[in-house]
C-alpha atoms as a PDB file:
ATOM      1  CA  MET A   1      84.636 -16.415-114.106  1.00  0.00           C
ATOM      2  CA  VAL A   2      83.181 -16.131-110.599  1.00  0.00           C
ATOM      3  CA  THR A   3      81.174 -19.075-109.450  1.00  0.00           C
ATOM      4  CA  VAL A   4      78.213 -18.912-107.151  1.00  0.00           C
ATOM      5  CA  GLN A   5      80.136 -20.787-104.494  1.00  0.00           C
ATOM      6  CA  ARG A   6      82.995 -18.306-104.622  1.00  0.00           C
ATOM      7  CA  LEU A   7      80.582 -15.371-104.395  1.00  0.00           C
ATOM      8  CA  ALA A   8      78.779 -16.960-101.434  1.00  0.00           C
ATOM      9  CA  LEU A   9      82.113 -17.643 -99.710  1.00  0.00           C
ATOM     10  CA  SER A  10      83.215 -14.025-100.263  1.00  0.00           C
ATOM     11  CA  CYS A  11      79.968 -12.689 -98.807  1.00  0.00           C
ATOM     12  CA  LEU A  12      80.231 -15.019 -95.807  1.00  0.00           C
ATOM     13  CA  LEU A  13      83.816 -13.937 -95.215  1.00  0.00           C
ATOM     14  CA  LEU A  14      82.824 -10.270 -95.434  1.00  0.00           C
ATOM     15  CA  VAL A  15      80.005 -10.776 -92.925  1.00  0.00           C
ATOM     16  CA  CYS A  16      82.321 -12.633 -90.528  1.00  0.00           C
ATOM     17  CA  VAL A  17      84.957  -9.894 -90.692  1.00  0.00           C
ATOM     18  CA  ALA A  18      82.534  -6.945 -90.460  1.00  0.00           C
ATOM     19  CA  THR A  19      80.346  -8.277 -87.629  1.00  0.00           C
ATOM     20  CA  PRO A  20      82.951  -7.887 -84.841  1.00  0.00           C
ATOM     21  CA  CYS A  21      83.705  -4.321 -86.031  1.00  0.00           C
ATOM     22  CA  VAL A  22      80.045  -3.330 -85.864  1.00  0.00           C
ATOM     23  CA  ALA A  23      79.691  -4.901 -82.425  1.00  0.00           C
ATOM     24  CA  GLN A  24      82.528  -2.706 -81.128  1.00  0.00           C
ATOM     25  CA  LEU A  25      80.921   0.563 -82.192  1.00  0.00           C
ATOM     26  CA  PRO A  26      79.675   2.622 -79.254  1.00  0.00           C
ATOM     27  CA  ALA A  27      75.951   2.516 -78.705  1.00  0.00           C
ATOM     28  CA  PRO A  28      74.189   5.766 -79.659  1.00  0.00           C
ATOM     29  CA  THR A  29      73.317   7.891 -76.654  1.00  0.00           C
ATOM     30  CA  GLN A  30      69.821   9.046 -75.918  1.00  0.00           C
ATOM     31  CA  GLY A  31      69.803  12.846 -75.666  1.00  0.00           C
ATOM     32  CA  PRO A  32      72.327  15.023 -73.822  1.00  0.00           C
ATOM     33  CA  PRO A  33      74.244  13.599 -70.882  1.00  0.00           C
ATOM     34  CA  GLN A  34      72.449  13.932 -67.570  1.00  0.00           C
ATOM     35  CA  ARG A  35      73.760  16.493 -65.117  1.00  0.00           C
ATOM     36  CA  SER A  36      74.301  15.607 -61.539  1.00  0.00           C
ATOM     37  CA  ASP A  37      72.184  17.261 -58.869  1.00  0.00           C
ATOM     38  CA  GLN A  38      75.210  19.268 -57.727  1.00  0.00           C
ATOM     39  CA  GLU A  39      75.874  20.596 -61.244  1.00  0.00           C
ATOM     40  CA  GLU A  40      72.215  21.496 -61.689  1.00  0.00           C
ATOM     41  CA  LYS A  41      72.158  23.327 -58.351  1.00  0.00           C
ATOM     42  CA  MET A  42      75.310  25.272 -59.270  1.00  0.00           C
ATOM     43  CA  ARG A  43      73.830  26.194 -62.652  1.00  0.00           C
ATOM     44  CA  ARG A  44      70.636  27.499 -61.033  1.00  0.00           C
ATOM     45  CA  GLU A  45      72.600  29.528 -58.485  1.00  0.00           C
ATOM     46  CA  GLN A  46      74.706  31.055 -61.246  1.00  0.00           C
ATOM     47  CA  GLU A  47      71.559  31.970 -63.203  1.00  0.00           C
ATOM     48  CA  LYS A  48      70.122  33.620 -60.084  1.00  0.00           C
ATOM     49  CA  ARG A  49      73.310  35.668 -59.587  1.00  0.00           C
ATOM     50  CA  MET A  50      73.332  36.693 -63.242  1.00  0.00           C
ATOM     51  CA  ASN A  51      69.655  37.729 -63.131  1.00  0.00           C
ATOM     52  CA  LYS A  52      70.233  39.706 -59.942  1.00  0.00           C
ATOM     53  CA  GLN A  53      73.214  41.501 -61.488  1.00  0.00           C
ATOM     54  CA  ARG A  54      71.243  42.205 -64.678  1.00  0.00           C
ATOM     55  CA  HIS A  55      68.380  43.648 -62.615  1.00  0.00           C
ATOM     56  CA  GLU A  56      70.776  45.871 -60.641  1.00  0.00           C
ATOM     57  CA  ASP A  57      72.363  47.082 -63.882  1.00  0.00           C
ATOM     58  CA  LEU A  58      68.947  47.876 -65.339  1.00  0.00           C
ATOM     59  CA  LYS A  59      67.969  49.834 -62.210  1.00  0.00           C
ATOM     60  CA  LYS A  60      71.225  51.801 -62.317  1.00  0.00           C
ATOM     61  CA  ASP A  61      70.821  52.543 -66.045  1.00  0.00           C
ATOM     62  CA  THR A  62      67.197  53.633 -65.697  1.00  0.00           C
ATOM     63  CA  ASP A  63      68.121  55.879 -62.766  1.00  0.00           C
ATOM     64  CA  LYS A  64      70.775  57.457 -64.991  1.00  0.00           C
ATOM     65  CA  ILE A  65      68.207  57.924 -67.784  1.00  0.00           C
ATOM     66  CA  LEU A  66      65.899  59.701 -65.331  1.00  0.00           C
ATOM     67  CA  GLU A  67      68.736  61.967 -64.193  1.00  0.00           C
ATOM     68  CA  LEU A  68      69.706  62.791 -67.778  1.00  0.00           C
ATOM     69  CA  ALA A  69      66.092  63.415 -68.752  1.00  0.00           C
ATOM     70  CA  THR A  70      65.711  65.826 -65.843  1.00  0.00           C
ATOM     71  CA  GLN A  71      68.864  67.658 -66.920  1.00  0.00           C
ATOM     72  CA  LEU A  72      67.589  67.760 -70.498  1.00  0.00           C
ATOM     73  CA  LYS A  73      64.298  69.257 -69.340  1.00  0.00           C
ATOM     74  CA  ASP A  74      66.177  71.927 -67.354  1.00  0.00           C
ATOM     75  CA  TYR A  75      68.277  72.817 -70.421  1.00  0.00           C
ATOM     76  CA  VAL A  76      65.196  73.033 -72.621  1.00  0.00           C
ATOM     77  CA  ASP A  77      63.353  75.148 -70.034  1.00  0.00           C
ATOM     78  CA  LYS A  78      66.279  77.593 -69.935  1.00  0.00           C
ATOM     79  CA  SER A  79      66.472  77.906 -73.714  1.00  0.00           C
ATOM     80  CA  ASN A  80      64.007  79.672 -75.998  1.00  0.00           C
ATOM     81  CA  GLU A  81      62.474  78.802 -79.345  1.00  0.00           C
ATOM     82  CA  ASN A  82      65.347  80.453 -81.263  1.00  0.00           C
ATOM     83  CA  VAL A  83      68.283  78.984 -79.350  1.00  0.00           C
ATOM     84  CA  LEU A  84      68.998  75.332 -78.747  1.00  0.00           C
ATOM     85  CA  SER A  85      72.296  74.646 -77.010  1.00  0.00           C
ATOM     86  CA  VAL A  86      74.758  71.927 -77.922  1.00  0.00           C
ATOM     87  CA  ASP A  87      74.283  70.519 -74.401  1.00  0.00           C
ATOM     88  CA  VAL A  88      70.644  69.752 -75.209  1.00  0.00           C
ATOM     89  CA  VAL A  89      71.599  67.713 -78.256  1.00  0.00           C
ATOM     90  CA  LYS A  90      74.369  65.886 -76.367  1.00  0.00           C
ATOM     91  CA  LYS A  91      72.021  65.021 -73.483  1.00  0.00           C
ATOM     92  CA  ALA A  92      69.395  63.731 -75.901  1.00  0.00           C
ATOM     93  CA  GLU A  93      71.990  61.545 -77.651  1.00  0.00           C
ATOM     94  CA  GLU A  94      73.269  60.234 -74.310  1.00  0.00           C
ATOM     95  CA  ILE A  95      69.719  59.359 -73.247  1.00  0.00           C
ATOM     96  CA  GLU A  96      69.076  57.631 -76.554  1.00  0.00           C
ATOM     97  CA  LYS A  97      72.261  55.550 -76.289  1.00  0.00           C
ATOM     98  CA  LEU A  98      71.513  54.515 -72.717  1.00  0.00           C
ATOM     99  CA  ALA A  99      67.882  53.713 -73.551  1.00  0.00           C
ATOM    100  CA  ARG A 100      69.005  51.413 -76.378  1.00  0.00           C
ATOM    101  CA  LYS A 101      71.421  49.694 -73.992  1.00  0.00           C
ATOM    102  CA  VAL A 102      68.586  49.079 -71.511  1.00  0.00           C
ATOM    103  CA  LYS A 103      66.312  47.830 -74.274  1.00  0.00           C
ATOM    104  CA  ASP A 104      68.961  45.390 -75.561  1.00  0.00           C
ATOM    105  CA  LYS A 105      69.574  44.053 -72.040  1.00  0.00           C
ATOM    106  CA  MET A 106      65.864  43.470 -71.576  1.00  0.00           C
ATOM    107  CA  LYS A 107      65.534  41.691 -74.923  1.00  0.00           C
ATOM    108  CA  ALA A 108      68.529  39.450 -74.222  1.00  0.00           C
ATOM    109  CA  TYR A 109      66.747  37.800 -71.300  1.00  0.00           C
END
């Protein structure tokens, strides 16, 4: 049979043993670790380079779309209502693929 004194002594012993363990736990951090000014500057510069490269890629892709669209118009102008060449279909598919690529790049940022 467990006496009240034994129960109290067990609880006291448990508190004495557990208290140092709790005190050694690391304190919870508040939010993400702070970046140094140098790291923040490097991150911003990298973002600028990435945005510049993305913009150059978009310009190049849209120039290519314009070129392909002009070629497509020339093919269509040369054909008649009864004949549609395979080149016309291929150009249209190429334009569509490139336009989707441009659209996805624009959505990503």
